[in-house]
Amino acid sequence: MPRFPVFRAQSGVSLIESLVALFVLALGILGLAGLQTRTLTETRLTNARAAAVRMTTDIHERMLLNNGAMVDSINNATPFPYVVGWGGVPAGTNCNTTACTHAQLAGFDLSQWKNTLSTVLPGGDGLIYQSTDDPREFGVLIAWTDNIDDKAIGDLADYTNPFTVSVTTNVGTAACPANMICHLTRVRP
């Protein structure tokens, strides 16, 4: 009768293989979780930039519709009423219910625009300056914070450093405030 070889028991080899497979699987899942987190962060930043572009378009259209403000500014050698610095703008006259001058309409537009900015973007604020080279060109600088989840400032530098902006203008230096993300667009009403 033929004898079959007797094999010794494998003492734990398949258990080690299973543990290695679980470790590799865990690393893969952690990698996917990190990728998902980064994607969500980039999506939030992209949505904020899209909102900044929409807000730039909004104020540009308001300037176009109030072309008399530009004409008054040129004819009377007065500052263009849409030029504004950082911070809030007084409410002024409600031009939805009252007839307004071009300057009053500009103040009303700026008040509505700034209020919407602060609503649409976290910590949103805007600055509009007139170009020193071309009086019909304006820079619209919109700033917002991205530390909704209390990000470390070091992480925020990855976003703000490539977009640092500083221009000397008629409202002082138009620079992106510290720890903010900015979007600069030039418009010609």
N, C-alpha and C. Protein backbone atom coordinates (compact mmCIF):
# COMPACT_ATOMS: atom_id res chain seq x y z
N MET A 1 0.81 -1.16 0.00
CA MET A 1 0.00 0.00 0.00
C MET A 1 0.88 1.25 0.00
N PRO A 2 0.52 2.20 -0.88
CA PRO A 2 1.37 3.38 -0.95
C PRO A 2 1.18 4.26 0.28
N ARG A 3 2.24 4.81 0.65
CA ARG A 3 2.20 5.72 1.80
C ARG A 3 2.18 7.16 1.30
N PHE A 4 1.30 7.92 1.87
CA PHE A 4 1.24 9.34 1.52
C PHE A 4 2.13 10.11 2.47
N PRO A 5 2.81 11.10 1.94
CA PRO A 5 3.68 11.87 2.83
C PRO A 5 2.86 12.61 3.88
N VAL A 6 3.39 12.69 5.02
CA VAL A 6 2.72 13.38 6.12
C VAL A 6 3.27 14.81 6.18
N PHE A 7 2.34 15.78 6.15
CA PHE A 7 2.76 17.19 6.23
C PHE A 7 2.60 17.67 7.65
N ARG A 8 3.55 18.48 8.04
CA ARG A 8 3.41 19.07 9.37
C ARG A 8 2.43 20.23 9.31
N ALA A 9 1.80 20.51 10.37
CA ALA A 9 0.82 21.61 10.43
C ALA A 9 1.52 22.94 10.22
N GLN A 10 0.87 23.81 9.47
CA GLN A 10 1.43 25.15 9.24
C GLN A 10 1.15 25.98 10.47
N SER A 11 2.03 26.24 11.24
CA SER A 11 1.79 26.93 12.50
C SER A 11 1.71 28.45 12.30
N GLY A 12 0.53 28.99 11.88
CA GLY A 12 0.27 30.42 11.84
C GLY A 12 0.62 31.15 10.57
N VAL A 13 1.04 30.49 9.50
CA VAL A 13 1.42 31.19 8.28
C VAL A 13 0.20 31.87 7.65
N SER A 14 -0.91 31.19 7.57
CA SER A 14 -2.10 31.80 6.96
C SER A 14 -2.62 32.96 7.82
N LEU A 15 -2.43 32.90 9.11
CA LEU A 15 -2.83 34.00 9.98
C LEU A 15 -2.00 35.24 9.69
N ILE A 16 -0.71 35.08 9.49
CA ILE A 16 0.16 36.22 9.16
C ILE A 16 -0.23 36.80 7.81
N GLU A 17 -0.50 35.93 6.82
CA GLU A 17 -0.93 36.41 5.51
C GLU A 17 -2.23 37.21 5.62
N SER A 18 -3.14 36.74 6.44
CA SER A 18 -4.41 37.46 6.63
C SER A 18 -4.18 38.81 7.29
N LEU A 19 -3.30 38.87 8.27
CA LEU A 19 -3.00 40.15 8.94
C LEU A 19 -2.35 41.13 7.98
N VAL A 20 -1.45 40.66 7.14
CA VAL A 20 -0.81 41.54 6.14
C VAL A 20 -1.86 42.05 5.16
N ALA A 21 -2.76 41.17 4.72
CA ALA A 21 -3.81 41.59 3.80
C ALA A 21 -4.72 42.64 4.45
N LEU A 22 -5.06 42.45 5.71
CA LEU A 22 -5.88 43.44 6.42
C LEU A 22 -5.15 44.77 6.57
N PHE A 23 -3.85 44.72 6.82
CA PHE A 23 -3.05 45.94 6.95
C PHE A 23 -3.03 46.70 5.62
N VAL A 24 -2.82 46.00 4.52
CA VAL A 24 -2.80 46.64 3.20
C VAL A 24 -4.18 47.23 2.89
N LEU A 25 -5.23 46.50 3.21
CA LEU A 25 -6.59 47.00 3.00
C LEU A 25 -6.86 48.25 3.84
N ALA A 26 -6.42 48.25 5.09
CA ALA A 26 -6.60 49.41 5.96
C ALA A 26 -5.87 50.63 5.41
N LEU A 27 -4.65 50.44 4.90
CA LEU A 27 -3.91 51.56 4.30
C LEU A 27 -4.65 52.10 3.09
N GLY A 28 -5.20 51.22 2.28
CA GLY A 28 -5.96 51.66 1.11
C GLY A 28 -7.19 52.46 1.50
N ILE A 29 -7.90 52.01 2.52
CA ILE A 29 -9.10 52.72 2.97
C ILE A 29 -8.72 54.08 3.56
N LEU A 30 -7.63 54.14 4.33
CA LEU A 30 -7.17 55.43 4.86
C LEU A 30 -6.78 56.38 3.73
N GLY A 31 -6.14 55.86 2.70
CA GLY A 31 -5.79 56.68 1.54
C GLY A 31 -7.01 57.24 0.85
N LEU A 32 -8.03 56.40 0.67
CA LEU A 32 -9.27 56.87 0.06
C LEU A 32 -9.97 57.91 0.92
N ALA A 33 -9.95 57.73 2.24
CA ALA A 33 -10.56 58.71 3.14
C ALA A 33 -9.82 60.05 3.04
N GLY A 34 -8.49 60.01 2.97
CA GLY A 34 -7.71 61.24 2.82
C GLY A 34 -8.00 61.92 1.49
N LEU A 35 -8.11 61.13 0.43
CA LEU A 35 -8.43 61.68 -0.88
C LEU A 35 -9.81 62.33 -0.87
N GLN A 36 -10.77 61.69 -0.24
CA GLN A 36 -12.12 62.25 -0.15
C GLN A 36 -12.12 63.56 0.63
N THR A 37 -11.38 63.62 1.72
CA THR A 37 -11.30 64.84 2.52
C THR A 37 -10.69 65.97 1.71
N ARG A 38 -9.61 65.68 1.00
CA ARG A 38 -8.95 66.71 0.18
C ARG A 38 -9.88 67.18 -0.94
N THR A 39 -10.62 66.25 -1.53
CA THR A 39 -11.56 66.60 -2.59
C THR A 39 -12.65 67.53 -2.06
N LEU A 40 -13.16 67.24 -0.88
CA LEU A 40 -14.19 68.11 -0.29
C LEU A 40 -13.64 69.51 -0.02
N THR A 41 -12.39 69.58 0.45
CA THR A 41 -11.76 70.88 0.71
C THR A 41 -11.61 71.67 -0.59
N GLU A 42 -11.12 71.00 -1.63
CA GLU A 42 -10.94 71.67 -2.92
C GLU A 42 -12.29 72.09 -3.52
N THR A 43 -13.31 71.27 -3.31
CA THR A 43 -14.65 71.62 -3.80
C THR A 43 -15.16 72.87 -3.11
N ARG A 44 -14.95 72.97 -1.81
CA ARG A 44 -15.39 74.15 -1.07
C ARG A 44 -14.65 75.40 -1.57
N LEU A 45 -13.35 75.27 -1.83
CA LEU A 45 -12.57 76.40 -2.34
C LEU A 45 -13.05 76.79 -3.74
N THR A 46 -13.32 75.80 -4.57
CA THR A 46 -13.81 76.07 -5.92
C THR A 46 -15.17 76.76 -5.89
N ASN A 47 -16.04 76.32 -5.02
CA ASN A 47 -17.36 76.96 -4.88
C ASN A 47 -17.21 78.40 -4.41
N ALA A 48 -16.28 78.66 -3.50
CA ALA A 48 -16.05 80.03 -3.03
C ALA A 48 -15.52 80.90 -4.17
N ARG A 49 -14.60 80.37 -4.97
CA ARG A 49 -14.08 81.14 -6.11
C ARG A 49 -15.19 81.43 -7.12
N ALA A 50 -16.06 80.45 -7.36
CA ALA A 50 -17.18 80.67 -8.27
C ALA A 50 -18.11 81.75 -7.73
N ALA A 51 -18.34 81.75 -6.43
CA ALA A 51 -19.17 82.80 -5.81
C ALA A 51 -18.50 84.16 -5.97
N ALA A 52 -17.17 84.21 -5.83
CA ALA A 52 -16.44 85.48 -6.00
C ALA A 52 -16.58 85.99 -7.43
N VAL A 53 -16.52 85.09 -8.40
CA VAL A 53 -16.69 85.50 -9.79
C VAL A 53 -18.12 86.02 -10.01
N ARG A 54 -19.11 85.35 -9.44
CA ARG A 54 -20.50 85.83 -9.57
C ARG A 54 -20.66 87.21 -8.93
N MET A 55 -20.02 87.42 -7.80
CA MET A 55 -20.13 88.72 -7.12
C MET A 55 -19.40 89.81 -7.91
N THR A 56 -18.30 89.47 -8.57
CA THR A 56 -17.62 90.43 -9.43
C THR A 56 -18.51 90.80 -10.60
N THR A 57 -19.15 89.80 -11.19
CA THR A 57 -20.08 90.06 -12.29
C THR A 57 -21.23 90.94 -11.82
N ASP A 58 -21.72 90.69 -10.62
CA ASP A 58 -22.83 91.47 -10.07
C ASP A 58 -22.47 92.96 -9.97
N ILE A 59 -21.32 93.27 -9.37
CA ILE A 59 -20.96 94.68 -9.21
C ILE A 59 -20.62 95.31 -10.55
N HIS A 60 -20.04 94.52 -11.47
CA HIS A 60 -19.73 95.04 -12.80
C HIS A 60 -21.02 95.42 -13.53
N GLU A 61 -22.04 94.56 -13.44
CA GLU A 61 -23.32 94.88 -14.07
C GLU A 61 -23.97 96.09 -13.43
N ARG A 62 -23.83 96.23 -12.12
CA ARG A 62 -24.38 97.41 -11.45
C ARG A 62 -23.68 98.68 -11.94
N MET A 63 -22.36 98.60 -12.16
CA MET A 63 -21.62 99.75 -12.69
C MET A 63 -22.10 100.08 -14.11
N LEU A 64 -22.30 99.04 -14.91
CA LEU A 64 -22.75 99.26 -16.29
C LEU A 64 -24.13 99.91 -16.34
N LEU A 65 -25.02 99.47 -15.45
CA LEU A 65 -26.38 100.01 -15.44
C LEU A 65 -26.43 101.43 -14.89
N ASN A 66 -25.42 101.83 -14.14
CA ASN A 66 -25.36 103.18 -13.58
C ASN A 66 -24.25 103.95 -14.29
N ASN A 67 -24.31 103.96 -15.62
CA ASN A 67 -23.27 104.60 -16.41
C ASN A 67 -23.19 106.10 -16.14
N GLY A 68 -24.27 106.69 -15.68
CA GLY A 68 -24.25 108.12 -15.36
C GLY A 68 -23.26 108.45 -14.26
N ALA A 69 -22.98 107.50 -13.38
CA ALA A 69 -22.00 107.75 -12.32
C ALA A 69 -20.61 107.97 -12.92
N MET A 70 -20.28 107.21 -13.97
CA MET A 70 -18.98 107.39 -14.64
C MET A 70 -18.94 108.74 -15.34
N VAL A 71 -20.02 109.09 -16.02
CA VAL A 71 -20.08 110.37 -16.73
C VAL A 71 -19.98 111.53 -15.74
N ASP A 72 -20.74 111.47 -14.65
CA ASP A 72 -20.67 112.52 -13.62
C ASP A 72 -19.26 112.64 -13.06
N SER A 73 -18.63 111.51 -12.83
CA SER A 73 -17.28 111.50 -12.26
C SER A 73 -16.28 112.17 -13.20
N ILE A 74 -16.39 111.87 -14.49
CA ILE A 74 -15.46 112.46 -15.46
C ILE A 74 -15.76 113.94 -15.66
N ASN A 75 -17.04 114.30 -15.83
CA ASN A 75 -17.41 115.70 -16.09
C ASN A 75 -17.13 116.61 -14.90
N ASN A 76 -17.33 116.12 -13.69
CA ASN A 76 -17.17 116.96 -12.50
C ASN A 76 -15.82 116.76 -11.82
N ALA A 77 -14.98 115.92 -12.38
CA ALA A 77 -13.66 115.61 -11.80
C ALA A 77 -13.78 115.20 -10.33
N THR A 78 -14.76 114.35 -10.06
CA THR A 78 -14.96 113.83 -8.71
C THR A 78 -14.61 112.35 -8.69
N PRO A 79 -14.34 111.81 -7.52
CA PRO A 79 -14.02 110.38 -7.44
C PRO A 79 -15.20 109.53 -7.90
N PHE A 80 -14.90 108.44 -8.54
CA PHE A 80 -15.94 107.51 -8.99
C PHE A 80 -16.62 106.91 -7.78
N PRO A 81 -17.95 106.98 -7.69
CA PRO A 81 -18.64 106.57 -6.46
C PRO A 81 -18.59 105.08 -6.16
N TYR A 82 -18.16 104.25 -7.11
CA TYR A 82 -18.09 102.82 -6.84
C TYR A 82 -16.75 102.41 -6.22
N VAL A 83 -15.83 103.34 -6.08
CA VAL A 83 -14.55 103.03 -5.43
C VAL A 83 -14.80 102.92 -3.93
N VAL A 84 -14.40 101.79 -3.35
CA VAL A 84 -14.67 101.54 -1.94
C VAL A 84 -13.56 100.66 -1.36
N GLY A 85 -13.27 100.88 -0.09
CA GLY A 85 -12.24 100.09 0.59
C GLY A 85 -12.85 98.92 1.36
N TRP A 86 -12.03 98.28 2.17
CA TRP A 86 -12.49 97.16 2.99
C TRP A 86 -13.46 97.67 4.05
N GLY A 87 -14.31 96.82 4.52
CA GLY A 87 -15.24 97.15 5.60
C GLY A 87 -16.63 97.45 5.09
N GLY A 88 -17.50 97.74 6.00
CA GLY A 88 -18.91 97.97 5.67
C GLY A 88 -19.13 99.31 4.99
N VAL A 89 -20.27 99.42 4.36
CA VAL A 89 -20.68 100.64 3.69
C VAL A 89 -22.01 101.07 4.32
N PRO A 90 -22.17 102.35 4.67
CA PRO A 90 -23.44 102.79 5.24
C PRO A 90 -24.60 102.51 4.28
N ALA A 91 -25.75 102.21 4.82
CA ALA A 91 -26.91 101.83 4.00
C ALA A 91 -27.31 102.93 3.03
N GLY A 92 -27.34 104.17 3.46
CA GLY A 92 -27.71 105.26 2.56
C GLY A 92 -29.17 105.21 2.15
N THR A 93 -29.46 105.78 0.99
CA THR A 93 -30.83 105.87 0.49
C THR A 93 -31.26 104.54 -0.12
N ASN A 94 -32.48 104.13 0.14
CA ASN A 94 -33.03 102.92 -0.47
C ASN A 94 -33.55 103.29 -1.85
N CYS A 95 -32.81 102.96 -2.87
CA CYS A 95 -33.17 103.35 -4.24
C CYS A 95 -34.25 102.46 -4.84
N ASN A 96 -34.69 101.45 -4.12
CA ASN A 96 -35.82 100.64 -4.58
C ASN A 96 -37.13 101.38 -4.39
N THR A 97 -37.16 102.29 -3.42
CA THR A 97 -38.41 102.99 -3.10
C THR A 97 -38.34 104.49 -3.36
N THR A 98 -37.14 105.03 -3.57
CA THR A 98 -36.95 106.47 -3.72
C THR A 98 -36.12 106.74 -4.97
N ALA A 99 -36.43 107.83 -5.66
CA ALA A 99 -35.60 108.24 -6.80
C ALA A 99 -34.24 108.68 -6.27
N CYS A 100 -33.18 108.24 -6.93
CA CYS A 100 -31.82 108.52 -6.44
C CYS A 100 -30.97 109.17 -7.52
N THR A 101 -29.95 109.90 -7.09
CA THR A 101 -28.94 110.39 -8.01
C THR A 101 -28.01 109.23 -8.35
N HIS A 102 -27.12 109.47 -9.30
CA HIS A 102 -26.17 108.42 -9.68
C HIS A 102 -25.28 108.03 -8.51
N ALA A 103 -24.84 109.02 -7.74
CA ALA A 103 -23.97 108.74 -6.59
C ALA A 103 -24.73 107.97 -5.50
N GLN A 104 -26.00 108.34 -5.26
CA GLN A 104 -26.79 107.62 -4.27
C GLN A 104 -27.04 106.17 -4.70
N LEU A 105 -27.29 105.98 -6.00
CA LEU A 105 -27.50 104.63 -6.51
C LEU A 105 -26.22 103.80 -6.35
N ALA A 106 -25.08 104.43 -6.58
CA ALA A 106 -23.81 103.72 -6.39
C ALA A 106 -23.64 103.30 -4.93
N GLY A 107 -23.96 104.20 -4.01
CA GLY A 107 -23.87 103.86 -2.58
C GLY A 107 -24.82 102.73 -2.21
N PHE A 108 -26.03 102.77 -2.76
CA PHE A 108 -27.01 101.71 -2.51
C PHE A 108 -26.52 100.38 -3.08
N ASP A 109 -25.99 100.43 -4.32
CA ASP A 109 -25.45 99.21 -4.94
C ASP A 109 -24.32 98.62 -4.10
N LEU A 110 -23.41 99.48 -3.64
CA LEU A 110 -22.28 99.00 -2.83
C LEU A 110 -22.75 98.39 -1.52
N SER A 111 -23.75 99.01 -0.90
CA SER A 111 -24.28 98.48 0.35
C SER A 111 -24.88 97.10 0.14
N GLN A 112 -25.68 96.95 -0.90
CA GLN A 112 -26.28 95.64 -1.19
C GLN A 112 -25.21 94.62 -1.55
N TRP A 113 -24.23 95.04 -2.35
CA TRP A 113 -23.16 94.14 -2.79
C TRP A 113 -22.34 93.64 -1.60
N LYS A 114 -21.95 94.57 -0.72
CA LYS A 114 -21.15 94.18 0.45
C LYS A 114 -21.95 93.26 1.38
N ASN A 115 -23.23 93.56 1.57
CA ASN A 115 -24.06 92.69 2.41
C ASN A 115 -24.17 91.28 1.82
N THR A 116 -24.34 91.21 0.51
CA THR A 116 -24.42 89.91 -0.15
C THR A 116 -23.09 89.17 -0.06
N LEU A 117 -21.99 89.91 -0.21
CA LEU A 117 -20.66 89.29 -0.09
C LEU A 117 -20.49 88.62 1.26
N SER A 118 -20.88 89.32 2.30
CA SER A 118 -20.70 88.76 3.65
C SER A 118 -21.64 87.57 3.89
N THR A 119 -22.71 87.49 3.13
CA THR A 119 -23.64 86.36 3.26
C THR A 119 -23.18 85.16 2.44
N VAL A 120 -22.71 85.41 1.23
CA VAL A 120 -22.36 84.33 0.30
C VAL A 120 -21.03 83.68 0.64
N LEU A 121 -20.06 84.48 1.07
CA LEU A 121 -18.72 83.96 1.36
C LEU A 121 -18.43 84.08 2.86
N PRO A 122 -17.79 83.09 3.44
CA PRO A 122 -17.46 83.18 4.87
C PRO A 122 -16.46 84.30 5.13
N GLY A 123 -16.85 85.27 5.92
CA GLY A 123 -15.98 86.42 6.18
C GLY A 123 -15.77 87.27 4.95
N GLY A 124 -16.71 87.23 4.00
CA GLY A 124 -16.54 87.91 2.71
C GLY A 124 -16.52 89.42 2.82
N ASP A 125 -15.61 90.03 2.06
CA ASP A 125 -15.51 91.48 1.98
C ASP A 125 -14.96 91.82 0.60
N GLY A 126 -15.13 93.06 0.18
CA GLY A 126 -14.66 93.45 -1.13
C GLY A 126 -14.08 94.84 -1.14
N LEU A 127 -13.21 95.08 -2.11
CA LEU A 127 -12.57 96.37 -2.30
C LEU A 127 -12.63 96.66 -3.79
N ILE A 128 -12.96 97.88 -4.16
CA ILE A 128 -12.98 98.28 -5.56
C ILE A 128 -12.08 99.50 -5.69
N TYR A 129 -11.14 99.44 -6.63
CA TYR A 129 -10.23 100.57 -6.83
C TYR A 129 -10.18 100.91 -8.31
N GLN A 130 -9.86 102.17 -8.58
CA GLN A 130 -9.73 102.65 -9.94
C GLN A 130 -8.27 102.53 -10.35
N SER A 131 -8.03 102.06 -11.56
CA SER A 131 -6.67 101.90 -12.05
C SER A 131 -5.99 103.26 -12.15
N THR A 132 -4.72 103.31 -11.81
CA THR A 132 -3.97 104.56 -11.92
C THR A 132 -3.55 104.81 -13.37
N ASP A 133 -3.54 103.75 -14.20
CA ASP A 133 -3.14 103.89 -15.60
C ASP A 133 -4.31 104.24 -16.52
N ASP A 134 -5.48 103.70 -16.22
CA ASP A 134 -6.65 103.89 -17.07
C ASP A 134 -7.86 104.20 -16.18
N PRO A 135 -8.40 105.42 -16.26
CA PRO A 135 -9.50 105.79 -15.36
C PRO A 135 -10.79 105.00 -15.61
N ARG A 136 -10.88 104.29 -16.73
CA ARG A 136 -12.09 103.49 -17.00
C ARG A 136 -11.92 102.03 -16.58
N GLU A 137 -10.77 101.69 -15.99
CA GLU A 137 -10.55 100.31 -15.55
C GLU A 137 -10.57 100.26 -14.02
N PHE A 138 -11.23 99.24 -13.50
CA PHE A 138 -11.38 99.08 -12.06
C PHE A 138 -10.95 97.69 -11.65
N GLY A 139 -10.37 97.61 -10.47
CA GLY A 139 -10.03 96.31 -9.90
C GLY A 139 -11.05 95.96 -8.82
N VAL A 140 -11.54 94.75 -8.87
CA VAL A 140 -12.48 94.25 -7.85
C VAL A 140 -11.76 93.13 -7.11
N LEU A 141 -11.43 93.38 -5.86
CA LEU A 141 -10.70 92.42 -5.03
C LEU A 141 -11.66 91.90 -3.97
N ILE A 142 -11.93 90.61 -4.01
CA ILE A 142 -12.85 89.98 -3.07
C ILE A 142 -12.05 89.04 -2.18
N ALA A 143 -12.28 89.14 -0.87
CA ALA A 143 -11.55 88.32 0.11
C ALA A 143 -12.53 87.53 0.97
N TRP A 144 -12.10 86.34 1.38
CA TRP A 144 -12.90 85.52 2.29
C TRP A 144 -11.98 84.61 3.07
N THR A 145 -12.51 84.07 4.15
CA THR A 145 -11.73 83.14 4.96
C THR A 145 -12.08 81.72 4.56
N ASP A 146 -11.13 80.82 4.80
CA ASP A 146 -11.39 79.42 4.49
C ASP A 146 -11.22 78.56 5.72
N ASN A 147 -11.15 79.17 6.88
CA ASN A 147 -10.95 78.37 8.09
C ASN A 147 -12.27 78.16 8.81
N ILE A 148 -13.24 77.65 8.07
CA ILE A 148 -14.53 77.31 8.66
C ILE A 148 -14.33 76.23 9.72
N ASP A 149 -13.45 75.28 9.42
CA ASP A 149 -13.20 74.17 10.34
C ASP A 149 -11.97 74.43 11.20
N ASP A 150 -11.64 75.71 11.44
CA ASP A 150 -10.50 76.10 12.27
C ASP A 150 -9.21 75.45 11.79
N LYS A 151 -8.94 75.60 10.51
CA LYS A 151 -7.70 75.09 9.93
C LYS A 151 -6.50 75.77 10.56
N ALA A 152 -5.39 75.07 10.55
CA ALA A 152 -4.15 75.68 11.01
C ALA A 152 -3.73 76.73 9.98
N ILE A 153 -3.16 77.82 10.44
CA ILE A 153 -2.73 78.89 9.54
C ILE A 153 -1.71 78.37 8.55
N GLY A 154 -0.88 77.43 8.95
CA GLY A 154 0.11 76.85 8.04
C GLY A 154 -0.53 76.19 6.84
N ASP A 155 -1.66 75.51 7.05
CA ASP A 155 -2.38 74.89 5.94
C ASP A 155 -2.97 75.94 5.03
N LEU A 156 -3.45 77.04 5.60
CA LEU A 156 -4.06 78.09 4.82
C LEU A 156 -3.03 78.77 3.91
N ALA A 157 -1.77 78.79 4.32
CA ALA A 157 -0.72 79.42 3.51
C ALA A 157 -0.59 78.73 2.16
N ASP A 158 -0.89 77.45 2.08
CA ASP A 158 -0.83 76.75 0.81
C ASP A 158 -1.79 77.37 -0.21
N TYR A 159 -2.91 77.91 0.27
CA TYR A 159 -3.89 78.52 -0.62
C TYR A 159 -3.61 79.99 -0.88
N THR A 160 -3.15 80.71 0.13
CA THR A 160 -3.04 82.16 -0.01
C THR A 160 -1.74 82.60 -0.68
N ASN A 161 -0.65 81.88 -0.50
CA ASN A 161 0.62 82.32 -1.06
C ASN A 161 0.61 82.48 -2.57
N PRO A 162 0.05 81.54 -3.35
CA PRO A 162 0.08 81.73 -4.79
C PRO A 162 -0.79 82.89 -5.27
N PHE A 163 -1.70 83.37 -4.42
CA PHE A 163 -2.65 84.38 -4.84
C PHE A 163 -2.43 85.71 -4.13
N THR A 164 -1.24 85.95 -3.61
CA THR A 164 -0.97 87.19 -2.91
C THR A 164 -1.04 88.34 -3.91
N VAL A 165 -1.76 89.37 -3.53
CA VAL A 165 -2.00 90.51 -4.41
C VAL A 165 -1.68 91.78 -3.64
N SER A 166 -0.98 92.70 -4.27
CA SER A 166 -0.73 93.99 -3.65
C SER A 166 -0.57 95.03 -4.76
N VAL A 167 -1.47 95.98 -4.82
CA VAL A 167 -1.46 97.01 -5.85
C VAL A 167 -1.68 98.35 -5.17
N THR A 168 -0.89 99.36 -5.53
CA THR A 168 -1.11 100.69 -4.99
C THR A 168 -2.21 101.36 -5.80
N THR A 169 -3.23 101.87 -5.11
CA THR A 169 -4.39 102.43 -5.79
C THR A 169 -4.81 103.74 -5.14
N ASN A 170 -5.92 104.27 -5.63
CA ASN A 170 -6.44 105.51 -5.08
C ASN A 170 -7.14 105.30 -3.74
N VAL A 171 -7.28 104.07 -3.28
CA VAL A 171 -7.82 103.81 -1.93
C VAL A 171 -6.73 103.23 -1.05
N GLY A 172 -5.48 103.52 -1.40
CA GLY A 172 -4.35 102.96 -0.65
C GLY A 172 -3.85 101.70 -1.35
N THR A 173 -3.26 100.84 -0.59
CA THR A 173 -2.75 99.60 -1.17
C THR A 173 -3.86 98.55 -1.15
N ALA A 174 -4.15 98.04 -2.32
CA ALA A 174 -5.16 96.98 -2.43
C ALA A 174 -4.44 95.66 -2.25
N ALA A 175 -4.39 95.20 -1.03
CA ALA A 175 -3.69 93.95 -0.74
C ALA A 175 -4.66 92.98 -0.09
N CYS A 176 -4.40 91.72 -0.33
CA CYS A 176 -5.21 90.68 0.29
C CYS A 176 -4.93 90.68 1.79
N PRO A 177 -5.96 90.83 2.62
CA PRO A 177 -5.74 90.83 4.07
C PRO A 177 -5.11 89.53 4.55
N ALA A 178 -4.41 89.59 5.67
CA ALA A 178 -3.74 88.41 6.22
C ALA A 178 -4.75 87.30 6.49
N ASN A 179 -4.34 86.09 6.21
CA ASN A 179 -5.13 84.87 6.47
C ASN A 179 -6.45 84.85 5.72
N MET A 180 -6.50 85.50 4.57
CA MET A 180 -7.70 85.49 3.73
C MET A 180 -7.31 84.95 2.36
N ILE A 181 -8.28 84.47 1.64
CA ILE A 181 -8.09 84.06 0.26
C ILE A 181 -8.73 85.14 -0.59
N CYS A 182 -8.05 85.55 -1.67
CA CYS A 182 -8.55 86.67 -2.48
C CYS A 182 -8.71 86.29 -3.94
N HIS A 183 -9.60 87.02 -4.58
CA HIS A 183 -9.83 86.88 -6.02
C HIS A 183 -9.86 88.29 -6.60
N LEU A 184 -8.95 88.56 -7.55
CA LEU A 184 -8.85 89.88 -8.16
C LEU A 184 -9.30 89.80 -9.61
N THR A 185 -10.18 90.72 -9.99
CA THR A 185 -10.64 90.82 -11.37
C THR A 185 -10.61 92.28 -11.76
N ARG A 186 -10.23 92.54 -13.00
CA ARG A 186 -10.27 93.91 -13.52
C ARG A 186 -11.46 94.03 -14.46
N VAL A 187 -12.21 95.11 -14.31
CA VAL A 187 -13.40 95.31 -15.14
C VAL A 187 -13.37 96.70 -15.76
N ARG A 188 -14.08 96.84 -16.88
CA ARG A 188 -14.23 98.13 -17.56
C ARG A 188 -15.71 98.39 -17.79
N PRO A 189 -16.33 99.22 -16.95
CA PRO A 189 -17.76 99.51 -17.17
C PRO A 189 -17.96 100.42 -18.37
